[in-house]
Amino acid sequence: MLNKFPVPVPSIEVQQKIINVLENFDAICSDLNIGLPAEIEARQKQYEYYRDALLTYAATGKI
């Protein structure tokens, strides 16, 4: 039954362009999955450092 329906297949050139786009997309997603958690962790440490410095200054008048 399904063999009665024509299935268009793009040319090899178009298929290669699709592959390139998908590979680039995959690389970007991988970079985000690696880089974003590291950036969040760095900002958390920075926040904790400045928070502690402000609390120390408020309590002692010294940083």
PDB file of N, CA and C in Angstrom:
ATOM      1  N   MET A   1       0.813  -1.193   0.000  1.00  0.00           N
ATOM      2  CA  MET A   1       0.000   0.000   0.000  1.00  0.00           C
ATOM      3  C   MET A   1       0.864   1.268   0.000  1.00  0.00           C
ATOM      4  N   LEU A   2       1.896   1.279   0.831  1.00  0.00           N
ATOM      5  CA  LEU A   2       2.751   2.460   0.880  1.00  0.00           C
ATOM      6  C   LEU A   2       3.567   2.637  -0.392  1.00  0.00           C
ATOM      7  N   ASN A   3       3.825   1.563  -1.093  1.00  0.00           N
ATOM      8  CA  ASN A   3       4.623   1.687  -2.308  1.00  0.00           C
ATOM      9  C   ASN A   3       3.870   2.391  -3.434  1.00  0.00           C
ATOM     10  N   LYS A   4       2.619   2.699  -3.221  1.00  0.00           N
ATOM     11  CA  LYS A   4       1.843   3.436  -4.217  1.00  0.00           C
ATOM     12  C   LYS A   4       2.069   4.943  -4.114  1.00  0.00           C
ATOM     13  N   PHE A   5       2.665   5.387  -3.011  1.00  0.00           N
ATOM     14  CA  PHE A   5       2.895   6.813  -2.804  1.00  0.00           C
ATOM     15  C   PHE A   5       4.328   7.164  -3.186  1.00  0.00           C
ATOM     16  N   PRO A   6       4.467   8.160  -4.044  1.00  0.00           N
ATOM     17  CA  PRO A   6       5.828   8.566  -4.410  1.00  0.00           C
ATOM     18  C   PRO A   6       6.493   9.307  -3.234  1.00  0.00           C
ATOM     19  N   VAL A   7       7.736   8.990  -3.010  1.00  0.00           N
ATOM     20  CA  VAL A   7       8.501   9.651  -1.951  1.00  0.00           C
ATOM     21  C   VAL A   7       9.617  10.444  -2.625  1.00  0.00           C
ATOM     22  N   PRO A   8       9.536  11.761  -2.553  1.00  0.00           N
ATOM     23  CA  PRO A   8      10.587  12.560  -3.184  1.00  0.00           C
ATOM     24  C   PRO A   8      11.894  12.457  -2.386  1.00  0.00           C
ATOM     25  N   VAL A   9      12.984  12.316  -3.098  1.00  0.00           N
ATOM     26  CA  VAL A   9      14.302  12.239  -2.476  1.00  0.00           C
ATOM     27  C   VAL A   9      15.125  13.397  -3.022  1.00  0.00           C
ATOM     28  N   PRO A  10      15.662  14.227  -2.124  1.00  0.00           N
ATOM     29  CA  PRO A  10      16.468  15.359  -2.604  1.00  0.00           C
ATOM     30  C   PRO A  10      17.756  14.871  -3.274  1.00  0.00           C
ATOM     31  N   SER A  11      18.316  15.731  -4.077  1.00  0.00           N
ATOM     32  CA  SER A  11      19.571  15.396  -4.758  1.00  0.00           C
ATOM     33  C   SER A  11      20.682  15.204  -3.721  1.00  0.00           C
ATOM     34  N   ILE A  12      21.767  14.602  -4.149  1.00  0.00           N
ATOM     35  CA  ILE A  12      22.910  14.366  -3.260  1.00  0.00           C
ATOM     36  C   ILE A  12      23.435  15.694  -2.709  1.00  0.00           C
ATOM     37  N   GLU A  13      23.471  16.724  -3.543  1.00  0.00           N
ATOM     38  CA  GLU A  13      23.959  18.029  -3.099  1.00  0.00           C
ATOM     39  C   GLU A  13      23.080  18.581  -1.974  1.00  0.00           C
ATOM     40  N   VAL A  14      21.776  18.474  -2.132  1.00  0.00           N
ATOM     41  CA  VAL A  14      20.844  18.961  -1.109  1.00  0.00           C
ATOM     42  C   VAL A  14      20.969  18.110   0.154  1.00  0.00           C
ATOM     43  N   GLN A  15      21.117  16.812  -0.016  1.00  0.00           N
ATOM     44  CA  GLN A  15      21.296  15.936   1.145  1.00  0.00           C
ATOM     45  C   GLN A  15      22.563  16.315   1.915  1.00  0.00           C
ATOM     46  N   GLN A  16      23.631  16.639   1.193  1.00  0.00           N
ATOM     47  CA  GLN A  16      24.887  17.026   1.844  1.00  0.00           C
ATOM     48  C   GLN A  16      24.719  18.338   2.603  1.00  0.00           C
ATOM     49  N   LYS A  17      23.988  19.287   2.031  1.00  0.00           N
ATOM     50  CA  LYS A  17      23.736  20.553   2.727  1.00  0.00           C
ATOM     51  C   LYS A  17      22.930  20.317   4.001  1.00  0.00           C
ATOM     52  N   ILE A  18      21.963  19.435   3.929  1.00  0.00           N
ATOM     53  CA  ILE A  18      21.158  19.102   5.113  1.00  0.00           C
ATOM     54  C   ILE A  18      22.051  18.477   6.189  1.00  0.00           C
ATOM     55  N   ILE A  19      22.929  17.578   5.785  1.00  0.00           N
ATOM     56  CA  ILE A  19      23.850  16.946   6.730  1.00  0.00           C
ATOM     57  C   ILE A  19      24.742  17.993   7.382  1.00  0.00           C
ATOM     58  N   ASN A  20      25.272  18.925   6.593  1.00  0.00           N
ATOM     59  CA  ASN A  20      26.138  19.972   7.139  1.00  0.00           C
ATOM     60  C   ASN A  20      25.398  20.828   8.158  1.00  0.00           C
ATOM     61  N   VAL A  21      24.175  21.202   7.851  1.00  0.00           N
ATOM     62  CA  VAL A  21      23.381  22.011   8.777  1.00  0.00           C
ATOM     63  C   VAL A  21      23.138  21.247  10.075  1.00  0.00           C
ATOM     64  N   LEU A  22      22.772  19.983   9.963  1.00  0.00           N
ATOM     65  CA  LEU A  22      22.505  19.178  11.157  1.00  0.00           C
ATOM     66  C   LEU A  22      23.772  18.948  11.981  1.00  0.00           C
ATOM     67  N   GLU A  23      24.904  18.755  11.328  1.00  0.00           N
ATOM     68  CA  GLU A  23      26.163  18.586  12.062  1.00  0.00           C
ATOM     69  C   GLU A  23      26.550  19.868  12.783  1.00  0.00           C
ATOM     70  N   ASN A  24      26.361  21.019  12.133  1.00  0.00           N
ATOM     71  CA  ASN A  24      26.642  22.301  12.786  1.00  0.00           C
ATOM     72  C   ASN A  24      25.716  22.509  13.974  1.00  0.00           C
ATOM     73  N   PHE A  25      24.463  22.176  13.812  1.00  0.00           N
ATOM     74  CA  PHE A  25      23.496  22.308  14.899  1.00  0.00           C
ATOM     75  C   PHE A  25      23.889  21.413  16.072  1.00  0.00           C
ATOM     76  N   ASP A  26      24.292  20.194  15.775  1.00  0.00           N
ATOM     77  CA  ASP A  26      24.718  19.261  16.823  1.00  0.00           C
ATOM     78  C   ASP A  26      25.947  19.793  17.558  1.00  0.00           C
ATOM     79  N   ALA A  27      26.890  20.365  16.826  1.00  0.00           N
ATOM     80  CA  ALA A  27      28.097  20.920  17.452  1.00  0.00           C
ATOM     81  C   ALA A  27      27.746  22.088  18.365  1.00  0.00           C
ATOM     82  N   ILE A  28      26.838  22.944  17.930  1.00  0.00           N
ATOM     83  CA  ILE A  28      26.421  24.082  18.754  1.00  0.00           C
ATOM     84  C   ILE A  28      25.735  23.599  20.018  1.00  0.00           C
ATOM     85  N   CYS A  29      24.870  22.618  19.890  1.00  0.00           N
ATOM     86  CA  CYS A  29      24.179  22.065  21.065  1.00  0.00           C
ATOM     87  C   CYS A  29      25.177  21.445  22.033  1.00  0.00           C
ATOM     88  N   SER A  30      26.169  20.746  21.515  1.00  0.00           N
ATOM     89  CA  SER A  30      27.187  20.134  22.374  1.00  0.00           C
ATOM     90  C   SER A  30      27.981  21.203  23.110  1.00  0.00           C
ATOM     91  N   ASP A  31      28.344  22.276  22.402  1.00  0.00           N
ATOM     92  CA  ASP A  31      29.073  23.370  23.042  1.00  0.00           C
ATOM     93  C   ASP A  31      28.252  23.990  24.164  1.00  0.00           C
ATOM     94  N   LEU A  32      26.966  24.177  23.932  1.00  0.00           N
ATOM     95  CA  LEU A  32      26.103  24.745  24.966  1.00  0.00           C
ATOM     96  C   LEU A  32      25.992  23.817  26.161  1.00  0.00           C
ATOM     97  N   ASN A  33      25.878  22.530  25.903  1.00  0.00           N
ATOM     98  CA  ASN A  33      25.750  21.566  26.997  1.00  0.00           C
ATOM     99  C   ASN A  33      27.010  21.495  27.842  1.00  0.00           C
ATOM    100  N   ILE A  34      28.151  21.816  27.256  1.00  0.00           N
ATOM    101  CA  ILE A  34      29.406  21.808  28.002  1.00  0.00           C
ATOM    102  C   ILE A  34      29.666  23.186  28.616  1.00  0.00           C
ATOM    103  N   GLY A  35      29.535  24.221  27.821  1.00  0.00           N
ATOM    104  CA  GLY A  35      29.905  25.563  28.261  1.00  0.00           C
ATOM    105  C   GLY A  35      28.939  26.201  29.233  1.00  0.00           C
ATOM    106  N   LEU A  36      27.661  25.985  29.053  1.00  0.00           N
ATOM    107  CA  LEU A  36      26.670  26.652  29.896  1.00  0.00           C
ATOM    108  C   LEU A  36      26.752  26.218  31.351  1.00  0.00           C
ATOM    109  N   PRO A  37      26.813  24.936  31.667  1.00  0.00           N
ATOM    110  CA  PRO A  37      26.953  24.557  33.076  1.00  0.00           C
ATOM    111  C   PRO A  37      28.235  25.106  33.709  1.00  0.00           C
ATOM    112  N   ALA A  38      29.330  25.140  32.958  1.00  0.00           N
ATOM    113  CA  ALA A  38      30.579  25.691  33.483  1.00  0.00           C
ATOM    114  C   ALA A  38      30.428  27.180  33.767  1.00  0.00           C
ATOM    115  N   GLU A  39      29.751  27.894  32.896  1.00  0.00           N
ATOM    116  CA  GLU A  39      29.523  29.328  33.098  1.00  0.00           C
ATOM    117  C   GLU A  39      28.634  29.562  34.309  1.00  0.00           C
ATOM    118  N   ILE A  40      27.603  28.766  34.469  1.00  0.00           N
ATOM    119  CA  ILE A  40      26.711  28.899  35.625  1.00  0.00           C
ATOM    120  C   ILE A  40      27.486  28.645  36.915  1.00  0.00           C
ATOM    121  N   GLU A  41      28.328  27.628  36.914  1.00  0.00           N
ATOM    122  CA  GLU A  41      29.123  27.327  38.110  1.00  0.00           C
ATOM    123  C   GLU A  41      30.085  28.471  38.431  1.00  0.00           C
ATOM    124  N   ALA A  42      30.716  29.044  37.415  1.00  0.00           N
ATOM    125  CA  ALA A  42      31.631  30.166  37.629  1.00  0.00           C
ATOM    126  C   ALA A  42      30.890  31.367  38.199  1.00  0.00           C
ATOM    127  N   ARG A  43      29.708  31.659  37.682  1.00  0.00           N
ATOM    128  CA  ARG A  43      28.924  32.796  38.195  1.00  0.00           C
ATOM    129  C   ARG A  43      28.454  32.543  39.626  1.00  0.00           C
ATOM    130  N   GLN A  44      28.152  31.281  39.961  1.00  0.00           N
ATOM    131  CA  GLN A  44      27.752  30.939  41.328  1.00  0.00           C
ATOM    132  C   GLN A  44      28.909  31.191  42.291  1.00  0.00           C
ATOM    133  N   LYS A  45      30.115  30.787  41.904  1.00  0.00           N
ATOM    134  CA  LYS A  45      31.291  31.027  42.748  1.00  0.00           C
ATOM    135  C   LYS A  45      31.565  32.516  42.888  1.00  0.00           C
ATOM    136  N   GLN A  46      31.395  33.264  41.812  1.00  0.00           N
ATOM    137  CA  GLN A  46      31.591  34.709  41.854  1.00  0.00           C
ATOM    138  C   GLN A  46      30.569  35.348  42.787  1.00  0.00           C
ATOM    139  N   TYR A  47      29.332  34.937  42.687  1.00  0.00           N
ATOM    140  CA  TYR A  47      28.278  35.447  43.562  1.00  0.00           C
ATOM    141  C   TYR A  47      28.622  35.165  45.021  1.00  0.00           C
ATOM    142  N   GLU A  48      29.043  33.935  45.324  1.00  0.00           N
ATOM    143  CA  GLU A  48      29.367  33.570  46.705  1.00  0.00           C
ATOM    144  C   GLU A  48      30.538  34.392  47.227  1.00  0.00           C
ATOM    145  N   TYR A  49      31.542  34.623  46.389  1.00  0.00           N
ATOM    146  CA  TYR A  49      32.698  35.417  46.797  1.00  0.00           C
ATOM    147  C   TYR A  49      32.272  36.838  47.174  1.00  0.00           C
ATOM    148  N   TYR A  50      31.512  37.496  46.294  1.00  0.00           N
ATOM    149  CA  TYR A  50      31.107  38.874  46.570  1.00  0.00           C
ATOM    150  C   TYR A  50      30.107  38.947  47.720  1.00  0.00           C
ATOM    151  N   ARG A  51      29.238  37.968  47.829  1.00  0.00           N
ATOM    152  CA  ARG A  51      28.308  37.929  48.959  1.00  0.00           C
ATOM    153  C   ARG A  51      29.081  37.832  50.268  1.00  0.00           C
ATOM    154  N   ASP A  52      30.046  36.931  50.339  1.00  0.00           N
ATOM    155  CA  ASP A  52      30.847  36.772  51.552  1.00  0.00           C
ATOM    156  C   ASP A  52      31.653  38.028  51.849  1.00  0.00           C
ATOM    157  N   ALA A  53      32.196  38.652  50.805  1.00  0.00           N
ATOM    158  CA  ALA A  53      32.961  39.887  51.003  1.00  0.00           C
ATOM    159  C   ALA A  53      32.072  40.988  51.565  1.00  0.00           C
ATOM    160  N   LEU A  54      30.871  41.121  51.052  1.00  0.00           N
ATOM    161  CA  LEU A  54      29.950  42.148  51.555  1.00  0.00           C
ATOM    162  C   LEU A  54      29.523  41.862  52.985  1.00  0.00           C
ATOM    163  N   LEU A  55      29.249  40.612  53.291  1.00  0.00           N
ATOM    164  CA  LEU A  55      28.853  40.265  54.657  1.00  0.00           C
ATOM    165  C   LEU A  55      30.007  40.477  55.635  1.00  0.00           C
ATOM    166  N   THR A  56      31.224  40.151  55.202  1.00  0.00           N
ATOM    167  CA  THR A  56      32.393  40.383  56.051  1.00  0.00           C
ATOM    168  C   THR A  56      32.579  41.874  56.283  1.00  0.00           C
ATOM    169  N   TYR A  57      32.436  42.675  55.244  1.00  0.00           N
ATOM    170  CA  TYR A  57      32.577  44.127  55.370  1.00  0.00           C
ATOM    171  C   TYR A  57      31.503  44.685  56.291  1.00  0.00           C
ATOM    172  N   ALA A  58      30.286  44.208  56.151  1.00  0.00           N
ATOM    173  CA  ALA A  58      29.194  44.693  56.995  1.00  0.00           C
ATOM    174  C   ALA A  58      29.450  44.346  58.460  1.00  0.00           C
ATOM    175  N   ALA A  59      30.043  43.197  58.720  1.00  0.00           N
ATOM    176  CA  ALA A  59      30.267  42.760  60.097  1.00  0.00           C
ATOM    177  C   ALA A  59      31.523  43.374  60.710  1.00  0.00           C
ATOM    178  N   THR A  60      32.573  43.565  59.915  1.00  0.00           N
ATOM    179  CA  THR A  60      33.859  43.995  60.473  1.00  0.00           C
ATOM    180  C   THR A  60      34.317  45.355  59.972  1.00  0.00           C
ATOM    181  N   GLY A  61      33.755  45.822  58.906  1.00  0.00           N
ATOM    182  CA  GLY A  61      34.217  47.068  58.303  1.00  0.00           C
ATOM    183  C   GLY A  61      35.453  46.861  57.439  1.00  0.00           C
ATOM    184  N   LYS A  62      35.895  45.606  57.286  1.00  0.00           N
ATOM    185  CA  LYS A  62      37.068  45.276  56.470  1.00  0.00           C
ATOM    186  C   LYS A  62      36.687  44.202  55.459  1.00  0.00           C
ATOM    187  N   ILE A  63      37.337  44.266  54.319  1.00  0.00           N
ATOM    188  CA  ILE A  63      37.088  43.229  53.309  1.00  0.00           C
ATOM    189  C   ILE A  63      38.111  42.136  53.458  1.00  0.00           C
TER     190      ILE A  63
END
